[in-house]
């Protein structure tokens, strides 16, 4: 009986300490969030299918692409003048947070900017603002983006 008890304790110890279970990637706890404020909402063109937010790690005007970007999983609600957004993003420094619009029947185009963090069409100011996510500060909130519908044209 003592031998069975010792064997059971030994087996239990092996099971609890000898096995590690891979639970996958888990939920990403870091993110960028804010509001998209649409200016001239009555001028939203019918040819716009969607708007998505992107956080770009290395931005270069001479080679605009989304290869070093994290895209939001969902599109912004276009029926509202102010919509909330969030981008689940790994810890990193992002040089540009941008709203990109998609034309109906066409692929996403990295140059179809509708607005970016630091652009204020109301006060006519432009300032490129970066966002950094760290272990200490994994969430960047209130990264609000102004988007002016009157500034876009079809491709």
N, C-alpha and C. Protein backbone atom coordinates (compact mmCIF):
# COMPACT_ATOMS: atom_id res chain seq x y z
N UNK A 1 0.82 -1.19 0.00
CA UNK A 1 0.00 0.00 0.00
C UNK A 1 0.86 1.26 0.00
N UNK A 2 1.95 1.25 0.83
CA UNK A 2 2.86 2.39 0.85
C UNK A 2 3.53 2.55 -0.50
N UNK A 3 3.85 1.42 -1.14
CA UNK A 3 4.49 1.48 -2.45
C UNK A 3 3.55 2.10 -3.48
N UNK A 4 2.28 1.77 -3.45
CA UNK A 4 1.30 2.36 -4.36
C UNK A 4 1.15 3.87 -4.13
N UNK A 5 1.17 4.27 -2.86
CA UNK A 5 1.06 5.68 -2.52
C UNK A 5 2.28 6.45 -3.01
N UNK A 6 3.48 5.88 -2.82
CA UNK A 6 4.70 6.51 -3.31
C UNK A 6 4.72 6.58 -4.83
N UNK A 7 4.26 5.52 -5.48
CA UNK A 7 4.20 5.51 -6.94
C UNK A 7 3.22 6.56 -7.45
N UNK A 8 2.08 6.73 -6.78
CA UNK A 8 1.08 7.73 -7.19
C UNK A 8 1.64 9.14 -7.02
N UNK A 9 2.36 9.40 -5.91
CA UNK A 9 2.96 10.71 -5.68
C UNK A 9 4.03 10.98 -6.74
N UNK A 10 4.85 9.99 -7.06
CA UNK A 10 5.89 10.13 -8.07
C UNK A 10 5.29 10.45 -9.44
N UNK A 11 4.25 9.73 -9.82
CA UNK A 11 3.59 9.95 -11.12
C UNK A 11 2.95 11.34 -11.18
N UNK A 12 2.33 11.75 -10.08
CA UNK A 12 1.73 13.08 -10.03
C UNK A 12 2.80 14.16 -10.17
N UNK A 13 3.95 13.96 -9.53
CA UNK A 13 5.05 14.93 -9.64
C UNK A 13 5.56 15.00 -11.07
N UNK A 14 5.66 13.87 -11.73
CA UNK A 14 6.10 13.86 -13.13
C UNK A 14 5.11 14.59 -14.03
N UNK A 15 3.85 14.37 -13.79
CA UNK A 15 2.83 15.00 -14.63
C UNK A 15 2.79 16.51 -14.46
N UNK A 16 2.93 16.98 -13.22
CA UNK A 16 2.81 18.41 -13.00
C UNK A 16 4.09 19.17 -13.31
N UNK A 17 5.23 18.54 -13.18
CA UNK A 17 6.49 19.24 -13.42
C UNK A 17 7.16 18.85 -14.73
N UNK A 18 6.81 17.73 -15.27
CA UNK A 18 7.50 17.24 -16.46
C UNK A 18 6.86 17.66 -17.75
N UNK A 19 5.67 18.18 -17.72
CA UNK A 19 4.97 18.56 -18.94
C UNK A 19 4.69 20.05 -18.95
N UNK A 20 4.99 20.66 -20.06
CA UNK A 20 4.60 22.05 -20.25
C UNK A 20 3.70 22.11 -21.46
N UNK A 21 2.60 22.80 -21.31
CA UNK A 21 1.62 22.87 -22.38
C UNK A 21 1.77 24.20 -23.10
N UNK A 22 1.87 24.14 -24.43
CA UNK A 22 1.95 25.35 -25.24
C UNK A 22 0.53 25.85 -25.45
N UNK A 23 0.24 27.05 -24.96
CA UNK A 23 -1.09 27.62 -25.08
C UNK A 23 -1.21 28.56 -26.28
N UNK A 24 -0.26 28.53 -27.18
CA UNK A 24 -0.33 29.39 -28.37
C UNK A 24 0.21 30.78 -28.08
N UNK A 25 -0.11 31.71 -28.95
CA UNK A 25 0.41 33.06 -28.83
C UNK A 25 -0.25 33.87 -27.72
N UNK A 26 -1.47 33.54 -27.38
CA UNK A 26 -2.16 34.30 -26.35
C UNK A 26 -2.68 35.62 -26.89
N UNK A 27 -3.22 36.41 -26.00
CA UNK A 27 -3.80 37.70 -26.37
C UNK A 27 -2.72 38.78 -26.28
N UNK A 28 -2.62 39.58 -27.31
CA UNK A 28 -1.67 40.68 -27.32
C UNK A 28 -2.20 41.78 -26.42
N UNK A 29 -1.44 42.15 -25.40
CA UNK A 29 -1.91 43.15 -24.44
C UNK A 29 -1.56 44.57 -24.82
N UNK A 30 -0.75 44.74 -25.85
CA UNK A 30 -0.35 46.09 -26.24
C UNK A 30 -1.20 46.56 -27.42
N UNK A 31 -1.50 47.86 -27.41
CA UNK A 31 -2.35 48.39 -28.47
C UNK A 31 -2.25 49.90 -28.56
N UNK A 32 -2.72 50.41 -29.69
CA UNK A 32 -2.85 51.84 -29.94
C UNK A 32 -4.34 52.09 -30.15
N UNK A 33 -4.89 53.10 -29.48
CA UNK A 33 -6.32 53.36 -29.63
C UNK A 33 -6.59 54.86 -29.62
N UNK A 34 -7.74 55.19 -30.14
CA UNK A 34 -8.15 56.59 -30.16
C UNK A 34 -9.43 56.76 -30.95
N UNK A 35 -9.62 57.96 -31.45
CA UNK A 35 -10.82 58.27 -32.24
C UNK A 35 -10.41 58.75 -33.61
N UNK A 36 -11.24 58.42 -34.58
CA UNK A 36 -11.12 58.98 -35.92
C UNK A 36 -12.22 60.03 -36.02
N UNK A 37 -11.82 61.27 -36.27
CA UNK A 37 -12.76 62.38 -36.37
C UNK A 37 -12.85 62.78 -37.84
N UNK A 38 -14.01 62.54 -38.44
CA UNK A 38 -14.21 62.84 -39.85
C UNK A 38 -14.66 64.28 -40.03
N UNK A 39 -13.90 65.04 -40.80
CA UNK A 39 -14.22 66.42 -41.15
C UNK A 39 -14.92 66.40 -42.52
N UNK A 40 -15.88 67.29 -42.72
CA UNK A 40 -16.66 67.34 -43.97
C UNK A 40 -17.32 65.99 -44.25
N UNK A 41 -17.98 65.47 -43.21
CA UNK A 41 -18.60 64.15 -43.30
C UNK A 41 -19.62 64.06 -44.45
N UNK A 42 -20.26 65.17 -44.77
CA UNK A 42 -21.25 65.18 -45.86
C UNK A 42 -20.59 65.03 -47.23
N UNK A 43 -19.26 65.14 -47.32
CA UNK A 43 -18.55 65.00 -48.59
C UNK A 43 -17.91 63.62 -48.77
N UNK A 44 -18.29 62.65 -47.92
CA UNK A 44 -17.74 61.30 -48.05
C UNK A 44 -18.13 60.74 -49.41
N UNK A 45 -17.13 60.38 -50.24
CA UNK A 45 -17.42 59.87 -51.57
C UNK A 45 -18.02 58.47 -51.55
N UNK A 46 -18.87 58.17 -52.52
CA UNK A 46 -19.48 56.85 -52.63
C UNK A 46 -18.46 55.78 -53.01
N UNK A 47 -17.34 56.17 -53.62
CA UNK A 47 -16.35 55.19 -54.07
C UNK A 47 -15.45 54.66 -52.95
N UNK A 48 -15.60 55.19 -51.72
CA UNK A 48 -14.81 54.70 -50.59
C UNK A 48 -15.52 53.48 -50.00
N UNK A 49 -14.80 52.36 -49.97
CA UNK A 49 -15.36 51.12 -49.42
C UNK A 49 -15.09 50.98 -47.93
N UNK A 50 -13.87 51.34 -47.50
CA UNK A 50 -13.49 51.13 -46.11
C UNK A 50 -12.33 52.03 -45.73
N UNK A 51 -12.13 52.19 -44.43
CA UNK A 51 -10.98 52.90 -43.87
C UNK A 51 -10.42 52.03 -42.76
N UNK A 52 -9.12 51.80 -42.81
CA UNK A 52 -8.44 51.03 -41.76
C UNK A 52 -7.28 51.83 -41.22
N UNK A 53 -6.96 51.57 -39.99
CA UNK A 53 -5.84 52.23 -39.33
C UNK A 53 -4.60 51.37 -39.45
N UNK A 54 -3.44 52.02 -39.56
CA UNK A 54 -2.16 51.32 -39.64
C UNK A 54 -1.14 52.02 -38.77
N UNK A 55 -0.29 51.24 -38.13
CA UNK A 55 0.84 51.76 -37.35
C UNK A 55 2.10 51.32 -38.09
N UNK A 56 2.88 52.30 -38.54
CA UNK A 56 4.05 52.03 -39.39
C UNK A 56 5.32 52.17 -38.56
N UNK A 57 6.17 51.13 -38.60
CA UNK A 57 7.40 51.13 -37.82
C UNK A 57 8.45 52.02 -38.46
N UNK A 58 8.82 51.73 -39.67
CA UNK A 58 9.83 52.53 -40.39
C UNK A 58 9.16 53.20 -41.57
N UNK A 59 9.03 54.50 -41.51
CA UNK A 59 8.35 55.23 -42.57
C UNK A 59 9.35 55.96 -43.44
N UNK A 60 9.17 55.84 -44.75
CA UNK A 60 10.06 56.49 -45.71
C UNK A 60 9.20 57.06 -46.84
N UNK A 61 9.22 58.38 -47.01
CA UNK A 61 8.41 59.01 -48.07
C UNK A 61 8.78 58.50 -49.46
N UNK A 62 10.03 58.10 -49.67
CA UNK A 62 10.44 57.67 -51.01
C UNK A 62 9.95 56.27 -51.33
N UNK A 63 9.53 55.50 -50.31
CA UNK A 63 9.05 54.13 -50.54
C UNK A 63 7.88 53.86 -49.61
N UNK A 64 6.73 54.42 -49.94
CA UNK A 64 5.55 54.24 -49.09
C UNK A 64 4.97 52.86 -49.33
N UNK A 65 5.00 52.05 -48.28
CA UNK A 65 4.42 50.71 -48.35
C UNK A 65 3.91 50.33 -46.97
N UNK A 66 3.21 49.22 -46.91
CA UNK A 66 2.69 48.73 -45.64
C UNK A 66 3.47 47.51 -45.16
N UNK A 67 4.69 47.32 -45.70
CA UNK A 67 5.47 46.14 -45.33
C UNK A 67 5.93 46.19 -43.88
N UNK A 68 6.19 47.36 -43.35
CA UNK A 68 6.60 47.51 -41.95
C UNK A 68 5.47 48.10 -41.12
N UNK A 69 4.25 47.66 -41.38
CA UNK A 69 3.09 48.22 -40.69
C UNK A 69 2.27 47.14 -40.01
N UNK A 70 1.57 47.56 -38.98
CA UNK A 70 0.59 46.71 -38.32
C UNK A 70 -0.77 47.30 -38.66
N UNK A 71 -1.63 46.49 -39.27
CA UNK A 71 -2.96 46.96 -39.67
C UNK A 71 -4.00 46.56 -38.63
N UNK A 72 -4.98 47.42 -38.44
CA UNK A 72 -6.11 47.10 -37.56
C UNK A 72 -6.86 45.92 -38.15
N UNK A 73 -7.46 45.12 -37.27
CA UNK A 73 -8.21 43.94 -37.71
C UNK A 73 -9.54 44.30 -38.37
N UNK A 74 -10.08 45.45 -38.03
CA UNK A 74 -11.39 45.83 -38.53
C UNK A 74 -11.34 47.24 -39.13
N UNK A 75 -12.33 47.52 -39.94
CA UNK A 75 -12.45 48.84 -40.54
C UNK A 75 -13.12 49.80 -39.57
N UNK A 76 -12.89 51.08 -39.79
CA UNK A 76 -13.50 52.13 -38.99
C UNK A 76 -14.96 52.29 -39.43
N UNK A 77 -15.84 52.59 -38.50
CA UNK A 77 -17.25 52.82 -38.80
C UNK A 77 -17.38 54.14 -39.57
N UNK A 78 -17.76 54.07 -40.84
CA UNK A 78 -17.83 55.26 -41.69
C UNK A 78 -19.16 56.00 -41.59
N UNK A 79 -20.12 55.43 -40.91
CA UNK A 79 -21.43 56.07 -40.81
C UNK A 79 -21.47 57.14 -39.71
N UNK A 80 -20.43 57.23 -38.92
CA UNK A 80 -20.40 58.18 -37.81
C UNK A 80 -19.36 59.26 -38.08
N UNK A 81 -19.56 60.41 -37.50
CA UNK A 81 -18.58 61.50 -37.64
C UNK A 81 -17.38 61.29 -36.73
N UNK A 82 -17.56 60.57 -35.63
CA UNK A 82 -16.46 60.21 -34.74
C UNK A 82 -16.58 58.72 -34.46
N UNK A 83 -15.51 57.97 -34.78
CA UNK A 83 -15.49 56.52 -34.57
C UNK A 83 -14.26 56.16 -33.75
N UNK A 84 -14.41 55.17 -32.90
CA UNK A 84 -13.27 54.69 -32.12
C UNK A 84 -12.54 53.61 -32.92
N UNK A 85 -11.24 53.50 -32.67
CA UNK A 85 -10.44 52.47 -33.32
C UNK A 85 -9.42 51.93 -32.32
N UNK A 86 -8.89 50.75 -32.63
CA UNK A 86 -7.72 50.26 -31.91
C UNK A 86 -6.93 49.34 -32.83
N UNK A 87 -5.64 49.38 -32.63
CA UNK A 87 -4.72 48.54 -33.40
C UNK A 87 -3.97 47.67 -32.39
N UNK A 88 -4.20 46.35 -32.40
CA UNK A 88 -3.37 45.49 -31.54
C UNK A 88 -1.96 45.49 -32.13
N UNK A 89 -0.99 46.01 -31.39
CA UNK A 89 0.35 46.19 -31.94
C UNK A 89 1.41 45.71 -30.96
N UNK A 90 2.43 45.04 -31.46
CA UNK A 90 3.53 44.61 -30.58
C UNK A 90 4.29 45.80 -30.01
N UNK A 91 5.03 45.55 -28.95
CA UNK A 91 5.86 46.59 -28.35
C UNK A 91 6.89 47.05 -29.37
N UNK A 92 6.88 48.34 -29.67
CA UNK A 92 7.79 48.92 -30.66
C UNK A 92 7.56 50.41 -30.70
N UNK A 93 8.38 51.09 -31.49
CA UNK A 93 8.19 52.51 -31.74
C UNK A 93 7.60 52.65 -33.15
N UNK A 94 6.50 53.36 -33.26
CA UNK A 94 5.80 53.53 -34.53
C UNK A 94 5.94 54.98 -34.98
N UNK A 95 6.53 55.17 -36.15
CA UNK A 95 6.78 56.51 -36.67
C UNK A 95 5.53 57.19 -37.21
N UNK A 96 4.54 56.40 -37.59
CA UNK A 96 3.35 56.97 -38.23
C UNK A 96 2.13 56.14 -37.88
N UNK A 97 1.06 56.81 -37.46
CA UNK A 97 -0.25 56.18 -37.29
C UNK A 97 -1.13 56.84 -38.33
N UNK A 98 -1.67 56.06 -39.25
CA UNK A 98 -2.35 56.62 -40.42
C UNK A 98 -3.67 55.92 -40.70
N UNK A 99 -4.64 56.69 -41.20
CA UNK A 99 -5.92 56.15 -41.68
C UNK A 99 -5.80 56.02 -43.19
N UNK A 100 -6.03 54.82 -43.70
CA UNK A 100 -5.91 54.55 -45.13
C UNK A 100 -7.29 54.15 -45.66
N UNK A 101 -7.69 54.76 -46.77
CA UNK A 101 -9.00 54.44 -47.35
C UNK A 101 -8.82 53.50 -48.53
N UNK A 102 -9.86 52.67 -48.75
CA UNK A 102 -9.87 51.70 -49.85
C UNK A 102 -10.97 52.07 -50.82
N UNK A 103 -10.61 52.12 -52.10
CA UNK A 103 -11.59 52.39 -53.15
C UNK A 103 -12.32 51.10 -53.51
N UNK A 104 -13.62 51.19 -53.73
CA UNK A 104 -14.42 50.03 -54.10
C UNK A 104 -13.85 49.38 -55.36
N UNK A 105 -13.76 48.05 -55.33
CA UNK A 105 -13.30 47.30 -56.49
C UNK A 105 -11.79 47.32 -56.71
N UNK A 106 -11.03 47.94 -55.81
CA UNK A 106 -9.57 48.00 -55.96
C UNK A 106 -8.91 47.47 -54.69
N UNK A 107 -7.62 47.16 -54.80
CA UNK A 107 -6.85 46.68 -53.66
C UNK A 107 -6.50 47.84 -52.74
N UNK A 108 -6.08 47.52 -51.53
CA UNK A 108 -5.61 48.54 -50.60
C UNK A 108 -4.38 49.21 -51.21
N UNK A 109 -4.30 50.52 -51.07
CA UNK A 109 -3.19 51.31 -51.61
C UNK A 109 -2.57 52.10 -50.45
N UNK A 110 -1.30 51.85 -50.17
CA UNK A 110 -0.63 52.48 -49.03
C UNK A 110 -0.55 54.00 -49.14
N UNK A 111 -0.76 54.54 -50.34
CA UNK A 111 -0.69 56.00 -50.51
C UNK A 111 -2.05 56.69 -50.35
N UNK A 112 -3.10 55.93 -50.12
CA UNK A 112 -4.44 56.50 -49.94
C UNK A 112 -4.65 56.95 -48.50
N UNK A 113 -3.94 57.98 -48.09
CA UNK A 113 -4.06 58.50 -46.74
C UNK A 113 -5.30 59.38 -46.63
N UNK A 114 -6.01 59.21 -45.55
CA UNK A 114 -7.13 60.09 -45.25
C UNK A 114 -6.78 61.01 -44.08
N UNK A 115 -5.87 60.57 -43.25
CA UNK A 115 -5.41 61.37 -42.12
C UNK A 115 -4.33 60.62 -41.38
N UNK A 116 -3.58 61.32 -40.53
CA UNK A 116 -2.54 60.68 -39.73
C UNK A 116 -2.38 61.43 -38.41
N UNK A 117 -1.76 60.76 -37.45
CA UNK A 117 -1.56 61.34 -36.13
C UNK A 117 -0.63 62.54 -36.26
N UNK A 118 -1.14 63.71 -35.90
CA UNK A 118 -0.38 64.95 -36.00
C UNK A 118 -0.91 65.88 -37.07
N UNK A 119 -1.85 65.40 -37.90
CA UNK A 119 -2.46 66.23 -38.95
C UNK A 119 -3.74 66.83 -38.40
N UNK A 120 -3.85 68.14 -38.46
CA UNK A 120 -5.04 68.84 -37.96
C UNK A 120 -5.57 69.76 -39.05
N UNK A 121 -6.54 69.30 -39.85
CA UNK A 121 -7.06 70.13 -40.94
C UNK A 121 -7.88 71.32 -40.44
N UNK A 122 -8.38 71.26 -39.23
CA UNK A 122 -9.17 72.36 -38.69
C UNK A 122 -8.27 73.58 -38.46
N UNK A 123 -7.12 73.35 -37.83
CA UNK A 123 -6.19 74.44 -37.54
C UNK A 123 -5.07 74.55 -38.57
N UNK A 124 -5.14 73.70 -39.58
CA UNK A 124 -4.18 73.67 -40.69
C UNK A 124 -2.75 73.53 -40.19
N UNK A 125 -2.53 72.51 -39.34
CA UNK A 125 -1.19 72.22 -38.85
C UNK A 125 -0.82 70.77 -39.15
N UNK A 126 0.47 70.55 -39.33
CA UNK A 126 0.98 69.21 -39.57
C UNK A 126 2.20 69.00 -38.69
N UNK A 127 2.17 67.92 -37.92
CA UNK A 127 3.30 67.55 -37.09
C UNK A 127 3.33 66.02 -37.04
N UNK A 128 4.43 65.42 -37.47
CA UNK A 128 4.52 63.96 -37.41
C UNK A 128 4.83 63.55 -35.97
N UNK A 129 3.92 62.77 -35.40
CA UNK A 129 4.05 62.33 -34.01
C UNK A 129 4.22 60.81 -34.00
N UNK A 130 5.24 60.35 -33.30
CA UNK A 130 5.44 58.91 -33.17
C UNK A 130 4.74 58.40 -31.91
N UNK A 131 4.57 57.10 -31.84
CA UNK A 131 3.95 56.43 -30.70
C UNK A 131 4.85 55.26 -30.32
N UNK A 132 5.19 55.15 -29.04
CA UNK A 132 6.04 54.06 -28.57
C UNK A 132 5.30 53.23 -27.54
N UNK A 133 5.29 51.91 -27.77
CA UNK A 133 4.71 50.96 -26.83
C UNK A 133 5.86 50.22 -26.15
N UNK A 134 5.88 50.22 -24.82
CA UNK A 134 6.92 49.56 -24.05
C UNK A 134 6.30 48.59 -23.05
N UNK A 135 7.15 47.81 -22.40
CA UNK A 135 6.63 46.92 -21.36
C UNK A 135 5.97 47.72 -20.24
N UNK A 136 6.55 48.86 -19.91
CA UNK A 136 5.99 49.71 -18.86
C UNK A 136 4.70 50.40 -19.32
N UNK A 137 4.66 50.82 -20.58
CA UNK A 137 3.48 51.49 -21.16
C UNK A 137 3.07 50.78 -22.45
N UNK A 138 2.36 49.64 -22.33
CA UNK A 138 2.00 48.86 -23.51
C UNK A 138 0.77 49.36 -24.27
N UNK A 139 0.10 50.38 -23.72
CA UNK A 139 -1.12 50.89 -24.34
C UNK A 139 -0.97 52.39 -24.57
N UNK A 140 -1.20 52.81 -25.82
CA UNK A 140 -1.22 54.24 -26.16
C UNK A 140 -2.67 54.60 -26.45
N UNK A 141 -3.24 55.47 -25.63
CA UNK A 141 -4.63 55.88 -25.79
C UNK A 141 -4.70 57.32 -26.26
N UNK A 142 -5.87 57.69 -26.74
CA UNK A 142 -6.13 59.07 -27.20
C UNK A 142 -5.23 59.49 -28.36
N UNK A 143 -4.91 58.54 -29.21
CA UNK A 143 -4.17 58.83 -30.43
C UNK A 143 -5.23 59.15 -31.49
N UNK A 144 -5.72 60.37 -31.43
CA UNK A 144 -6.85 60.79 -32.27
C UNK A 144 -6.36 61.25 -33.64
N UNK A 145 -7.12 60.88 -34.66
CA UNK A 145 -6.76 61.15 -36.05
C UNK A 145 -7.89 61.95 -36.70
N UNK A 146 -7.54 63.09 -37.28
CA UNK A 146 -8.51 63.87 -38.06
C UNK A 146 -8.42 63.43 -39.51
N UNK A 147 -9.58 63.21 -40.12
CA UNK A 147 -9.65 62.79 -41.52
C UNK A 147 -10.61 63.73 -42.26
N UNK A 148 -10.14 64.33 -43.32
CA UNK A 148 -10.93 65.29 -44.10
C UNK A 148 -11.36 64.65 -45.41
N UNK A 149 -12.67 64.37 -45.52
CA UNK A 149 -13.20 63.73 -46.74
C UNK A 149 -12.99 64.58 -47.98
N UNK A 150 -12.88 65.89 -47.84
CA UNK A 150 -12.78 66.76 -49.01
C UNK A 150 -11.40 66.68 -49.68
N UNK A 151 -10.45 65.98 -49.09
CA UNK A 151 -9.09 65.95 -49.61
C UNK A 151 -8.78 64.77 -50.53
N UNK A 152 -9.71 63.80 -50.66
CA UNK A 152 -9.38 62.61 -51.45
C UNK A 152 -10.01 62.63 -52.83
N UNK A 153 -9.38 61.91 -53.73
CA UNK A 153 -9.84 61.75 -55.11
C UNK A 153 -9.70 60.28 -55.50
N UNK A 154 -10.56 59.81 -56.43
CA UNK A 154 -10.46 58.38 -56.82
C UNK A 154 -9.14 58.11 -57.56
N UNK A 155 -8.69 56.87 -57.46
CA UNK A 155 -7.44 56.45 -58.15
C UNK A 155 -7.71 56.17 -59.61
